[in-house]
Amino acid sequence: MSGLIDSLWKRAIKEHNKGDYHEAHEIFEDIWLELDNRDEKDTVQTLAQGDALAVHIETGNLGAARRLMRQLPELLHTFPGNYRKIDLIEFREWISEMILRIPNILDISEIPNKEPPKLLSCR
């Protein structure tokens, strides 16, 4: 991995863990543009869309959250349990829960666990 991608990765994780999901989403998209490997691109795209989903939930934009449900289920099939020494299992479980809940609700306020889990180092 290039120094640029390493730097962006650290920033994206930091912003996500601070709860700045919009900024994390933007940085994950920057990483996605730099990657060549399809599996890595899919993993980073899932992270970017997960953070975009968090922004839509946070702002009450149910329509935009539902639109993300078109591609997130497919991306989740190949989303790994860890990537670049970050544990992704809880994040994957959160996205799975949102995939089950969002299509069936009338208001964002019906969603428990609105915030995604922190992205922590693997043990």
Protein backbone atom coordinates (compact mmCIF):
# COMPACT_ATOMS: atom_id res chain seq x y z
CA MET A 1 0.00 0.00 0.00
CA SER A 2 1.28 3.41 -0.87
CA GLY A 3 2.14 6.04 1.69
CA LEU A 4 -0.79 8.14 0.47
CA ILE A 5 -3.27 5.32 1.01
CA ASP A 6 -1.76 4.53 4.43
CA SER A 7 -2.17 8.15 5.46
CA LEU A 8 -5.73 8.36 4.14
CA TRP A 9 -6.63 5.07 5.84
CA LYS A 10 -5.46 6.33 9.24
CA ARG A 11 -7.40 9.58 8.76
CA ALA A 12 -10.57 7.77 7.69
CA ILE A 13 -10.47 5.49 10.74
CA LYS A 14 -9.80 8.47 13.04
CA GLU A 15 -12.71 10.50 11.59
CA HIS A 16 -15.07 7.52 11.74
CA ASN A 17 -14.18 6.84 15.37
CA LYS A 18 -14.70 10.54 16.24
CA GLY A 19 -18.20 10.26 14.78
CA ASP A 20 -17.50 12.49 11.78
CA TYR A 21 -19.05 10.02 9.36
CA HIS A 22 -19.31 12.53 6.53
CA GLU A 23 -15.58 13.22 6.57
CA ALA A 24 -14.77 9.51 6.95
CA HIS A 25 -17.02 8.76 3.97
CA GLU A 26 -15.17 11.33 1.85
CA ILE A 27 -11.77 9.93 2.82
CA PHE A 28 -12.87 6.34 2.15
CA GLU A 29 -13.95 7.49 -1.31
CA ASP A 30 -10.49 9.02 -1.86
CA ILE A 31 -8.93 5.68 -0.89
CA TRP A 32 -11.29 3.83 -3.24
CA LEU A 33 -10.08 5.97 -6.13
CA GLU A 34 -6.46 5.04 -5.40
CA LEU A 35 -7.00 1.26 -5.22
CA ASP A 36 -6.71 -1.18 -8.11
CA ASN A 37 -7.69 -4.48 -6.47
CA ARG A 38 -11.44 -5.20 -6.88
CA ASP A 39 -11.82 -6.90 -3.48
CA GLU A 40 -10.12 -4.00 -1.72
CA LYS A 41 -12.24 -1.49 -3.64
CA ASP A 42 -15.41 -3.35 -2.57
CA THR A 43 -14.30 -3.38 1.07
CA VAL A 44 -13.54 0.35 1.07
CA GLN A 45 -16.75 1.10 -0.84
CA THR A 46 -18.72 -0.75 1.85
CA LEU A 47 -17.02 1.35 4.53
CA ALA A 48 -17.77 4.54 2.59
CA GLN A 49 -21.41 3.59 2.09
CA GLY A 50 -21.75 2.52 5.71
CA ASP A 51 -20.57 5.94 6.81
CA ALA A 52 -22.87 7.60 4.27
CA LEU A 53 -25.70 5.56 5.79
CA ALA A 54 -24.73 6.82 9.25
CA VAL A 55 -24.92 10.41 7.95
CA HIS A 56 -28.38 9.84 6.45
CA ILE A 57 -29.62 8.25 9.68
CA GLU A 58 -28.11 11.10 11.71
CA THR A 59 -29.81 13.74 9.53
CA GLY A 60 -33.13 11.88 9.29
CA ASN A 61 -32.90 11.32 5.53
CA LEU A 62 -34.81 8.04 5.23
CA GLY A 63 -35.07 8.25 1.43
CA ALA A 64 -31.30 8.44 1.01
CA ALA A 65 -30.81 5.65 3.56
CA ARG A 66 -33.20 3.46 1.58
CA ARG A 67 -31.35 4.16 -1.66
CA LEU A 68 -28.18 2.78 -0.08
CA MET A 69 -30.07 -0.46 0.50
CA ARG A 70 -29.84 -1.15 -3.25
CA GLN A 71 -26.10 -1.90 -3.23
CA LEU A 72 -25.10 -2.47 0.40
CA PRO A 73 -26.61 -5.97 0.66
CA GLU A 74 -24.58 -7.13 -2.36
CA LEU A 75 -21.36 -5.53 -1.07
CA LEU A 76 -21.86 -7.13 2.33
CA HIS A 77 -21.57 -10.64 0.84
CA THR A 78 -17.83 -10.17 0.32
CA PHE A 79 -17.13 -7.76 3.21
CA PRO A 80 -14.32 -9.32 5.28
CA GLY A 81 -14.12 -9.69 9.03
CA ASN A 82 -10.97 -7.58 9.05
CA TYR A 83 -9.02 -5.40 6.69
CA ARG A 84 -5.72 -3.60 7.14
CA LYS A 85 -5.56 -4.72 10.78
CA ILE A 86 -9.00 -3.26 11.58
CA ASP A 87 -11.75 -5.52 12.95
CA LEU A 88 -14.84 -5.11 10.75
CA ILE A 89 -17.14 -7.72 12.31
CA GLU A 90 -19.22 -5.31 14.41
CA PHE A 91 -19.44 -2.86 11.51
CA ARG A 92 -20.67 -5.68 9.24
CA GLU A 93 -23.26 -6.68 11.87
CA TRP A 94 -24.45 -3.06 12.14
CA ILE A 95 -24.90 -2.80 8.38
CA SER A 96 -26.76 -6.14 8.38
CA GLU A 97 -29.10 -4.82 11.06
CA MET A 98 -29.73 -1.62 9.09
CA ILE A 99 -30.45 -3.67 5.94
CA LEU A 100 -33.16 -5.51 7.88
CA ARG A 101 -34.66 -2.43 9.55
CA ILE A 102 -34.53 0.48 7.11
CA PRO A 103 -36.84 -0.89 4.39
CA ASN A 104 -39.54 -1.58 7.02
CA ILE A 105 -39.67 1.66 8.99
CA LEU A 106 -41.63 4.85 8.49
CA ASP A 107 -39.35 7.16 10.46
CA ILE A 108 -35.62 7.18 11.22
CA SER A 109 -36.44 7.61 14.92
CA GLU A 110 -37.57 3.96 14.93
CA ILE A 111 -33.98 2.78 14.47
CA PRO A 112 -32.09 1.71 17.58
CA ASN A 113 -28.28 1.63 17.38
CA LYS A 114 -28.19 4.56 14.98
CA GLU A 115 -24.43 4.98 15.17
CA PRO A 116 -22.08 2.45 13.65
CA PRO A 117 -19.53 0.83 15.95
CA LYS A 118 -16.01 2.15 16.18
CA LEU A 119 -13.41 0.64 13.86
CA LEU A 120 -10.84 -0.87 16.18
CA SER A 121 -7.59 -2.75 15.67
CA CYS A 122 -7.77 -6.53 15.50
CA ARG A 123 -6.73 -8.32 18.65
